[in-house]
Amino acid sequence: MEIPAILVTGSSRGIGAAIVQGLRKRGATVIGHATRAIDSDTIAADFADPGAARLLWDQALAAGDGKIDVLVNNAGLFAASPIG
């Protein structure tokens, strides 16, 4: 069985980081994304830049040996909101 290449956007913390950790434990090739690179397996791309999504996709394809089998679209904006 071939090992899938999985791109996870928004993988720097929280749910995205947990997804990456879980997939890697299961043997998947995981390519992470964050606004800023956090390790050698994470591609930096700031989606505020209109060309960032294309840049991310091209770099992810290169990292996945020309294929991405699964996209986990987890990226989002974080805005602190006090409960009180």
PDB file of N, CA and C in Angstrom:
ATOM      1  N   MET A   1       0.843  -1.179   0.000  1.00  0.00           N
ATOM      2  CA  MET A   1       0.000   0.000   0.000  1.00  0.00           C
ATOM      3  C   MET A   1       0.888   1.242   0.000  1.00  0.00           C
ATOM      4  N   GLU A   2       0.572   2.181  -0.856  1.00  0.00           N
ATOM      5  CA  GLU A   2       1.345   3.412  -0.978  1.00  0.00           C
ATOM      6  C   GLU A   2       1.045   4.366   0.181  1.00  0.00           C
ATOM      7  N   ILE A   3       2.081   5.030   0.666  1.00  0.00           N
ATOM      8  CA  ILE A   3       1.918   5.996   1.754  1.00  0.00           C
ATOM      9  C   ILE A   3       1.360   7.288   1.175  1.00  0.00           C
ATOM     10  N   PRO A   4       0.235   7.782   1.706  1.00  0.00           N
ATOM     11  CA  PRO A   4      -0.355   9.001   1.154  1.00  0.00           C
ATOM     12  C   PRO A   4       0.435  10.253   1.538  1.00  0.00           C
ATOM     13  N   ALA A   5       0.406  11.238   0.636  1.00  0.00           N
ATOM     14  CA  ALA A   5       0.984  12.557   0.905  1.00  0.00           C
ATOM     15  C   ALA A   5      -0.181  13.476   1.264  1.00  0.00           C
ATOM     16  N   ILE A   6      -0.122  14.082   2.440  1.00  0.00           N
ATOM     17  CA  ILE A   6      -1.231  14.878   2.958  1.00  0.00           C
ATOM     18  C   ILE A   6      -0.747  16.287   3.263  1.00  0.00           C
ATOM     19  N   LEU A   7      -1.439  17.280   2.725  1.00  0.00           N
ATOM     20  CA  LEU A   7      -1.155  18.682   3.012  1.00  0.00           C
ATOM     21  C   LEU A   7      -2.160  19.165   4.044  1.00  0.00           C
ATOM     22  N   VAL A   8      -1.661  19.684   5.158  1.00  0.00           N
ATOM     23  CA  VAL A   8      -2.506  20.208   6.230  1.00  0.00           C
ATOM     24  C   VAL A   8      -2.235  21.699   6.366  1.00  0.00           C
ATOM     25  N   THR A   9      -3.223  22.533   6.015  1.00  0.00           N
ATOM     26  CA  THR A   9      -3.049  23.973   6.204  1.00  0.00           C
ATOM     27  C   THR A   9      -3.337  24.321   7.653  1.00  0.00           C
ATOM     28  N   GLY A  10      -2.729  25.402   8.125  1.00  0.00           N
ATOM     29  CA  GLY A  10      -2.951  25.834   9.504  1.00  0.00           C
ATOM     30  C   GLY A  10      -2.458  24.829  10.517  1.00  0.00           C
ATOM     31  N   SER A  11      -1.249  24.322  10.301  1.00  0.00           N
ATOM     32  CA  SER A  11      -0.755  23.226  11.147  1.00  0.00           C
ATOM     33  C   SER A  11       0.163  23.665  12.281  1.00  0.00           C
ATOM     34  N   SER A  12       0.244  24.953  12.556  1.00  0.00           N
ATOM     35  CA  SER A  12       1.214  25.423  13.551  1.00  0.00           C
ATOM     36  C   SER A  12       0.772  25.212  14.995  1.00  0.00           C
ATOM     37  N   ARG A  13      -0.524  25.081  15.233  1.00  0.00           N
ATOM     38  CA  ARG A  13      -1.005  24.925  16.615  1.00  0.00           C
ATOM     39  C   ARG A  13      -2.418  24.343  16.611  1.00  0.00           C
ATOM     40  N   GLY A  14      -2.905  24.061  17.804  1.00  0.00           N
ATOM     41  CA  GLY A  14      -4.289  23.629  17.984  1.00  0.00           C
ATOM     42  C   GLY A  14      -4.678  22.404  17.182  1.00  0.00           C
ATOM     43  N   ILE A  15      -5.832  22.495  16.553  1.00  0.00           N
ATOM     44  CA  ILE A  15      -6.381  21.360  15.804  1.00  0.00           C
ATOM     45  C   ILE A  15      -5.442  20.928  14.686  1.00  0.00           C
ATOM     46  N   GLY A  16      -4.886  21.893  13.962  1.00  0.00           N
ATOM     47  CA  GLY A  16      -3.975  21.561  12.863  1.00  0.00           C
ATOM     48  C   GLY A  16      -2.755  20.789  13.331  1.00  0.00           C
ATOM     49  N   ALA A  17      -2.153  21.218  14.424  1.00  0.00           N
ATOM     50  CA  ALA A  17      -0.983  20.521  14.971  1.00  0.00           C
ATOM     51  C   ALA A  17      -1.367  19.106  15.412  1.00  0.00           C
ATOM     52  N   ALA A  18      -2.540  18.950  15.994  1.00  0.00           N
ATOM     53  CA  ALA A  18      -3.006  17.620  16.431  1.00  0.00           C
ATOM     54  C   ALA A  18      -3.260  16.710  15.225  1.00  0.00           C
ATOM     55  N   ILE A  19      -3.809  17.274  14.159  1.00  0.00           N
ATOM     56  CA  ILE A  19      -4.035  16.487  12.939  1.00  0.00           C
ATOM     57  C   ILE A  19      -2.711  15.982  12.392  1.00  0.00           C
ATOM     58  N   VAL A  20      -1.728  16.881  12.293  1.00  0.00           N
ATOM     59  CA  VAL A  20      -0.406  16.495  11.781  1.00  0.00           C
ATOM     60  C   VAL A  20       0.194  15.396  12.641  1.00  0.00           C
ATOM     61  N   GLN A  21       0.165  15.564  13.945  1.00  0.00           N
ATOM     62  CA  GLN A  21       0.738  14.578  14.854  1.00  0.00           C
ATOM     63  C   GLN A  21       0.055  13.210  14.677  1.00  0.00           C
ATOM     64  N   GLY A  22      -1.262  13.212  14.612  1.00  0.00           N
ATOM     65  CA  GLY A  22      -1.992  11.956  14.460  1.00  0.00           C
ATOM     66  C   GLY A  22      -1.712  11.259  13.144  1.00  0.00           C
ATOM     67  N   LEU A  23      -1.649  12.032  12.067  1.00  0.00           N
ATOM     68  CA  LEU A  23      -1.372  11.439  10.758  1.00  0.00           C
ATOM     69  C   LEU A  23       0.040  10.886  10.671  1.00  0.00           C
ATOM     70  N   ARG A  24       0.983  11.620  11.233  1.00  0.00           N
ATOM     71  CA  ARG A  24       2.373  11.129  11.221  1.00  0.00           C
ATOM     72  C   ARG A  24       2.510   9.848  12.025  1.00  0.00           C
ATOM     73  N   LYS A  25       1.801   9.737  13.148  1.00  0.00           N
ATOM     74  CA  LYS A  25       1.839   8.508  13.948  1.00  0.00           C
ATOM     75  C   LYS A  25       1.334   7.319  13.147  1.00  0.00           C
ATOM     76  N   ARG A  26       0.459   7.582  12.194  1.00  0.00           N
ATOM     77  CA  ARG A  26      -0.107   6.519  11.366  1.00  0.00           C
ATOM     78  C   ARG A  26       0.713   6.260  10.103  1.00  0.00           C
ATOM     79  N   GLY A  27       1.846   6.972   9.973  1.00  0.00           N
ATOM     80  CA  GLY A  27       2.765   6.690   8.879  1.00  0.00           C
ATOM     81  C   GLY A  27       2.581   7.514   7.624  1.00  0.00           C
ATOM     82  N   ALA A  28       1.694   8.490   7.644  1.00  0.00           N
ATOM     83  CA  ALA A  28       1.470   9.318   6.459  1.00  0.00           C
ATOM     84  C   ALA A  28       2.613  10.301   6.267  1.00  0.00           C
ATOM     85  N   THR A  29       2.836  10.675   5.023  1.00  0.00           N
ATOM     86  CA  THR A  29       3.744  11.769   4.704  1.00  0.00           C
ATOM     87  C   THR A  29       2.932  13.045   4.828  1.00  0.00           C
ATOM     88  N   VAL A  30       3.253  13.864   5.825  1.00  0.00           N
ATOM     89  CA  VAL A  30       2.465  15.062   6.096  1.00  0.00           C
ATOM     90  C   VAL A  30       3.290  16.304   5.791  1.00  0.00           C
ATOM     91  N   ILE A  31       2.708  17.183   5.003  1.00  0.00           N
ATOM     92  CA  ILE A  31       3.306  18.466   4.680  1.00  0.00           C
ATOM     93  C   ILE A  31       2.469  19.518   5.393  1.00  0.00           C
ATOM     94  N   GLY A  32       3.091  20.210   6.335  1.00  0.00           N
ATOM     95  CA  GLY A  32       2.372  21.215   7.094  1.00  0.00           C
ATOM     96  C   GLY A  32       2.455  22.586   6.440  1.00  0.00           C
ATOM     97  N   HIS A  33       1.538  23.446   6.832  1.00  0.00           N
ATOM     98  CA  HIS A  33       1.527  24.837   6.368  1.00  0.00           C
ATOM     99  C   HIS A  33       1.272  25.743   7.559  1.00  0.00           C
ATOM    100  N   ALA A  34       1.949  26.867   7.564  1.00  0.00           N
ATOM    101  CA  ALA A  34       1.711  27.915   8.559  1.00  0.00           C
ATOM    102  C   ALA A  34       2.110  29.246   7.940  1.00  0.00           C
ATOM    103  N   THR A  35       1.680  30.316   8.556  1.00  0.00           N
ATOM    104  CA  THR A  35       2.068  31.630   8.059  1.00  0.00           C
ATOM    105  C   THR A  35       3.586  31.778   8.100  1.00  0.00           C
ATOM    106  N   ARG A  36       4.204  31.227   9.164  1.00  0.00           N
ATOM    107  CA  ARG A  36       5.663  31.212   9.295  1.00  0.00           C
ATOM    108  C   ARG A  36       6.105  29.766   9.517  1.00  0.00           C
ATOM    109  N   ALA A  37       7.187  29.380   8.883  1.00  0.00           N
ATOM    110  CA  ALA A  37       7.690  28.006   9.025  1.00  0.00           C
ATOM    111  C   ALA A  37       8.061  27.733  10.477  1.00  0.00           C
ATOM    112  N   ILE A  38       7.628  26.591  10.981  1.00  0.00           N
ATOM    113  CA  ILE A  38       7.939  26.211  12.358  1.00  0.00           C
ATOM    114  C   ILE A  38       8.934  25.066  12.432  1.00  0.00           C
ATOM    115  N   ASP A  39       9.109  24.341  11.330  1.00  0.00           N
ATOM    116  CA  ASP A  39      10.094  23.268  11.247  1.00  0.00           C
ATOM    117  C   ASP A  39      10.361  22.972   9.770  1.00  0.00           C
ATOM    118  N   SER A  40      11.221  22.011   9.512  1.00  0.00           N
ATOM    119  CA  SER A  40      11.598  21.717   8.131  1.00  0.00           C
ATOM    120  C   SER A  40      10.482  21.046   7.325  1.00  0.00           C
ATOM    121  N   ASP A  41       9.436  20.554   7.983  1.00  0.00           N
ATOM    122  CA  ASP A  41       8.312  19.916   7.297  1.00  0.00           C
ATOM    123  C   ASP A  41       7.132  20.861   7.115  1.00  0.00           C
ATOM    124  N   THR A  42       7.341  22.143   7.403  1.00  0.00           N
ATOM    125  CA  THR A  42       6.267  23.132   7.296  1.00  0.00           C
ATOM    126  C   THR A  42       6.616  24.164   6.235  1.00  0.00           C
ATOM    127  N   ILE A  43       5.677  24.421   5.356  1.00  0.00           N
ATOM    128  CA  ILE A  43       5.855  25.432   4.318  1.00  0.00           C
ATOM    129  C   ILE A  43       5.216  26.727   4.795  1.00  0.00           C
ATOM    130  N   ALA A  44       5.954  27.818   4.695  1.00  0.00           N
ATOM    131  CA  ALA A  44       5.437  29.129   5.094  1.00  0.00           C
ATOM    132  C   ALA A  44       4.706  29.761   3.916  1.00  0.00           C
ATOM    133  N   ALA A  45       3.476  30.182   4.155  1.00  0.00           N
ATOM    134  CA  ALA A  45       2.696  30.896   3.145  1.00  0.00           C
ATOM    135  C   ALA A  45       1.633  31.717   3.872  1.00  0.00           C
ATOM    136  N   ASP A  46       1.676  33.018   3.688  1.00  0.00           N
ATOM    137  CA  ASP A  46       0.721  33.926   4.325  1.00  0.00           C
ATOM    138  C   ASP A  46      -0.431  34.159   3.358  1.00  0.00           C
ATOM    139  N   PHE A  47      -1.611  33.628   3.679  1.00  0.00           N
ATOM    140  CA  PHE A  47      -2.757  33.714   2.772  1.00  0.00           C
ATOM    141  C   PHE A  47      -3.288  35.129   2.585  1.00  0.00           C
ATOM    142  N   ALA A  48      -2.751  36.102   3.322  1.00  0.00           N
ATOM    143  CA  ALA A  48      -3.086  37.499   3.062  1.00  0.00           C
ATOM    144  C   ALA A  48      -2.479  37.948   1.732  1.00  0.00           C
ATOM    145  N   ASP A  49      -1.467  37.230   1.265  1.00  0.00           N
ATOM    146  CA  ASP A  49      -0.836  37.496  -0.027  1.00  0.00           C
ATOM    147  C   ASP A  49      -1.599  36.709  -1.101  1.00  0.00           C
ATOM    148  N   PRO A  50      -2.103  37.380  -2.141  1.00  0.00           N
ATOM    149  CA  PRO A  50      -2.899  36.690  -3.161  1.00  0.00           C
ATOM    150  C   PRO A  50      -2.193  35.520  -3.857  1.00  0.00           C
ATOM    151  N   GLY A  51      -0.880  35.528  -3.946  1.00  0.00           N
ATOM    152  CA  GLY A  51      -0.163  34.442  -4.605  1.00  0.00           C
ATOM    153  C   GLY A  51       0.258  33.314  -3.684  1.00  0.00           C
ATOM    154  N   ALA A  52      -0.056  33.428  -2.406  1.00  0.00           N
ATOM    155  CA  ALA A  52       0.437  32.469  -1.425  1.00  0.00           C
ATOM    156  C   ALA A  52      -0.132  31.056  -1.610  1.00  0.00           C
ATOM    157  N   ALA A  53      -1.386  30.948  -1.950  1.00  0.00           N
ATOM    158  CA  ALA A  53      -1.991  29.615  -2.109  1.00  0.00           C
ATOM    159  C   ALA A  53      -1.316  28.841  -3.241  1.00  0.00           C
ATOM    160  N   ARG A  54      -1.043  29.514  -4.341  1.00  0.00           N
ATOM    161  CA  ARG A  54      -0.372  28.858  -5.468  1.00  0.00           C
ATOM    162  C   ARG A  54       1.049  28.446  -5.085  1.00  0.00           C
ATOM    163  N   LEU A  55       1.748  29.343  -4.384  1.00  0.00           N
ATOM    164  CA  LEU A  55       3.099  29.047  -3.922  1.00  0.00           C
ATOM    165  C   LEU A  55       3.092  27.832  -2.994  1.00  0.00           C
ATOM    166  N   LEU A  56       2.147  27.804  -2.069  1.00  0.00           N
ATOM    167  CA  LEU A  56       2.026  26.669  -1.151  1.00  0.00           C
ATOM    168  C   LEU A  56       1.788  25.378  -1.924  1.00  0.00           C
ATOM    169  N   TRP A  57       0.858  25.407  -2.855  1.00  0.00           N
ATOM    170  CA  TRP A  57       0.528  24.194  -3.623  1.00  0.00           C
ATOM    171  C   TRP A  57       1.749  23.692  -4.390  1.00  0.00           C
ATOM    172  N   ASP A  58       2.452  24.601  -5.066  1.00  0.00           N
ATOM    173  CA  ASP A  58       3.625  24.200  -5.841  1.00  0.00           C
ATOM    174  C   ASP A  58       4.707  23.608  -4.947  1.00  0.00           C
ATOM    175  N   GLN A  59       4.958  24.219  -3.801  1.00  0.00           N
ATOM    176  CA  GLN A  59       5.975  23.706  -2.881  1.00  0.00           C
ATOM    177  C   GLN A  59       5.535  22.388  -2.250  1.00  0.00           C
ATOM    178  N   ALA A  60       4.249  22.253  -1.967  1.00  0.00           N
ATOM    179  CA  ALA A  60       3.735  20.999  -1.405  1.00  0.00           C
ATOM    180  C   ALA A  60       3.854  19.866  -2.416  1.00  0.00           C
ATOM    181  N   LEU A  61       3.556  20.144  -3.668  1.00  0.00           N
ATOM    182  CA  LEU A  61       3.725  19.121  -4.706  1.00  0.00           C
ATOM    183  C   LEU A  61       5.180  18.658  -4.788  1.00  0.00           C
ATOM    184  N   ALA A  62       6.090  19.605  -4.724  1.00  0.00           N
ATOM    185  CA  ALA A  62       7.515  19.241  -4.755  1.00  0.00           C
ATOM    186  C   ALA A  62       7.877  18.385  -3.539  1.00  0.00           C
ATOM    187  N   ALA A  63       7.379  18.766  -2.362  1.00  0.00           N
ATOM    188  CA  ALA A  63       7.665  18.009  -1.141  1.00  0.00           C
ATOM    189  C   ALA A  63       7.009  16.628  -1.156  1.00  0.00           C
ATOM    190  N   GLY A  64       5.877  16.506  -1.856  1.00  0.00           N
ATOM    191  CA  GLY A  64       5.162  15.231  -1.937  1.00  0.00           C
ATOM    192  C   GLY A  64       5.529  14.409  -3.152  1.00  0.00           C
ATOM    193  N   ASP A  65       6.693  14.691  -3.732  1.00  0.00           N
ATOM    194  CA  ASP A  65       7.162  13.969  -4.930  1.00  0.00           C
ATOM    195  C   ASP A  65       6.147  14.021  -6.066  1.00  0.00           C
ATOM    196  N   GLY A  66       5.549  15.196  -6.255  1.00  0.00           N
ATOM    197  CA  GLY A  66       4.657  15.404  -7.392  1.00  0.00           C
ATOM    198  C   GLY A  66       3.206  15.063  -7.162  1.00  0.00           C
ATOM    199  N   LYS A  67       2.850  14.701  -5.920  1.00  0.00           N
ATOM    200  CA  LYS A  67       1.440  14.371  -5.666  1.00  0.00           C
ATOM    201  C   LYS A  67       1.016  14.786  -4.259  1.00  0.00           C
ATOM    202  N   ILE A  68      -0.224  15.171  -4.167  1.00  0.00           N
ATOM    203  CA  ILE A  68      -0.880  15.396  -2.885  1.00  0.00           C
ATOM    204  C   ILE A  68      -2.148  14.544  -2.946  1.00  0.00           C
ATOM    205  N   ASP A  69      -2.269  13.585  -2.050  1.00  0.00           N
ATOM    206  CA  ASP A  69      -3.432  12.691  -2.052  1.00  0.00           C
ATOM    207  C   ASP A  69      -4.604  13.275  -1.279  1.00  0.00           C
ATOM    208  N   VAL A  70      -4.295  14.041  -0.234  1.00  0.00           N
ATOM    209  CA  VAL A  70      -5.346  14.565   0.639  1.00  0.00           C
ATOM    210  C   VAL A  70      -4.993  15.998   1.023  1.00  0.00           C
ATOM    211  N   LEU A  71      -6.016  16.860   1.041  1.00  0.00           N
ATOM    212  CA  LEU A  71      -5.866  18.229   1.541  1.00  0.00           C
ATOM    213  C   LEU A  71      -6.766  18.382   2.756  1.00  0.00           C
ATOM    214  N   VAL A  72      -6.172  18.760   3.891  1.00  0.00           N
ATOM    215  CA  VAL A  72      -6.934  19.098   5.093  1.00  0.00           C
ATOM    216  C   VAL A  72      -6.881  20.616   5.190  1.00  0.00           C
ATOM    217  N   ASN A  73      -7.987  21.265   4.867  1.00  0.00           N
ATOM    218  CA  ASN A  73      -8.045  22.712   4.785  1.00  0.00           C
ATOM    219  C   ASN A  73      -8.447  23.260   6.155  1.00  0.00           C
ATOM    220  N   ASN A  74      -7.452  23.467   7.019  1.00  0.00           N
ATOM    221  CA  ASN A  74      -7.681  23.843   8.405  1.00  0.00           C
ATOM    222  C   ASN A  74      -7.297  25.293   8.726  1.00  0.00           C
ATOM    223  N   ALA A  75      -6.698  25.996   7.784  1.00  0.00           N
ATOM    224  CA  ALA A  75      -6.207  27.349   8.054  1.00  0.00           C
ATOM    225  C   ALA A  75      -7.357  28.292   8.412  1.00  0.00           C
ATOM    226  N   GLY A  76      -7.071  29.209   9.298  1.00  0.00           N
ATOM    227  CA  GLY A  76      -8.070  30.200   9.690  1.00  0.00           C
ATOM    228  C   GLY A  76      -7.406  31.351  10.406  1.00  0.00           C
ATOM    229  N   LEU A  77      -8.175  32.345  10.736  1.00  0.00           N
ATOM    230  CA  LEU A  77      -7.664  33.489  11.475  1.00  0.00           C
ATOM    231  C   LEU A  77      -7.998  33.313  12.943  1.00  0.00           C
ATOM    232  N   PHE A  78      -7.069  33.706  13.806  1.00  0.00           N
ATOM    233  CA  PHE A  78      -7.304  33.653  15.236  1.00  0.00           C
ATOM    234  C   PHE A  78      -7.436  35.060  15.757  1.00  0.00           C
ATOM    235  N   ALA A  79      -8.516  35.327  16.411  1.00  0.00           N
ATOM    236  CA  ALA A  79      -8.704  36.626  17.061  1.00  0.00           C
ATOM    237  C   ALA A  79      -9.130  36.353  18.495  1.00  0.00           C
ATOM    238  N   ALA A  80      -8.326  36.823  19.423  1.00  0.00           N
ATOM    239  CA  ALA A  80      -8.653  36.621  20.833  1.00  0.00           C
ATOM    240  C   ALA A  80      -9.964  37.351  21.165  1.00  0.00           C
ATOM    241  N   SER A  81     -10.791  36.699  21.935  1.00  0.00           N
ATOM    242  CA  SER A  81     -12.072  37.269  22.318  1.00  0.00           C
ATOM    243  C   SER A  81     -12.300  36.984  23.801  1.00  0.00           C
ATOM    244  N   PRO A  82     -12.202  37.990  24.639  1.00  0.00           N
ATOM    245  CA  PRO A  82     -12.373  37.748  26.075  1.00  0.00           C
ATOM    246  C   PRO A  82     -13.798  37.278  26.408  1.00  0.00           C
ATOM    247  N   ILE A  83     -13.885  36.340  27.308  1.00  0.00           N
ATOM    248  CA  ILE A  83     -15.175  35.787  27.670  1.00  0.00           C
ATOM    249  C   ILE A  83     -16.013  36.813  28.454  1.00  0.00           C
ATOM    250  N   GLY A  84     -15.374  37.592  29.329  1.00  0.00           N
ATOM    251  CA  GLY A  84     -16.079  38.544  30.181  1.00  0.00           C
ATOM    252  C   GLY A  84     -16.552  39.722  29.414  1.00  0.00           C
TER     253      GLY A  84
END
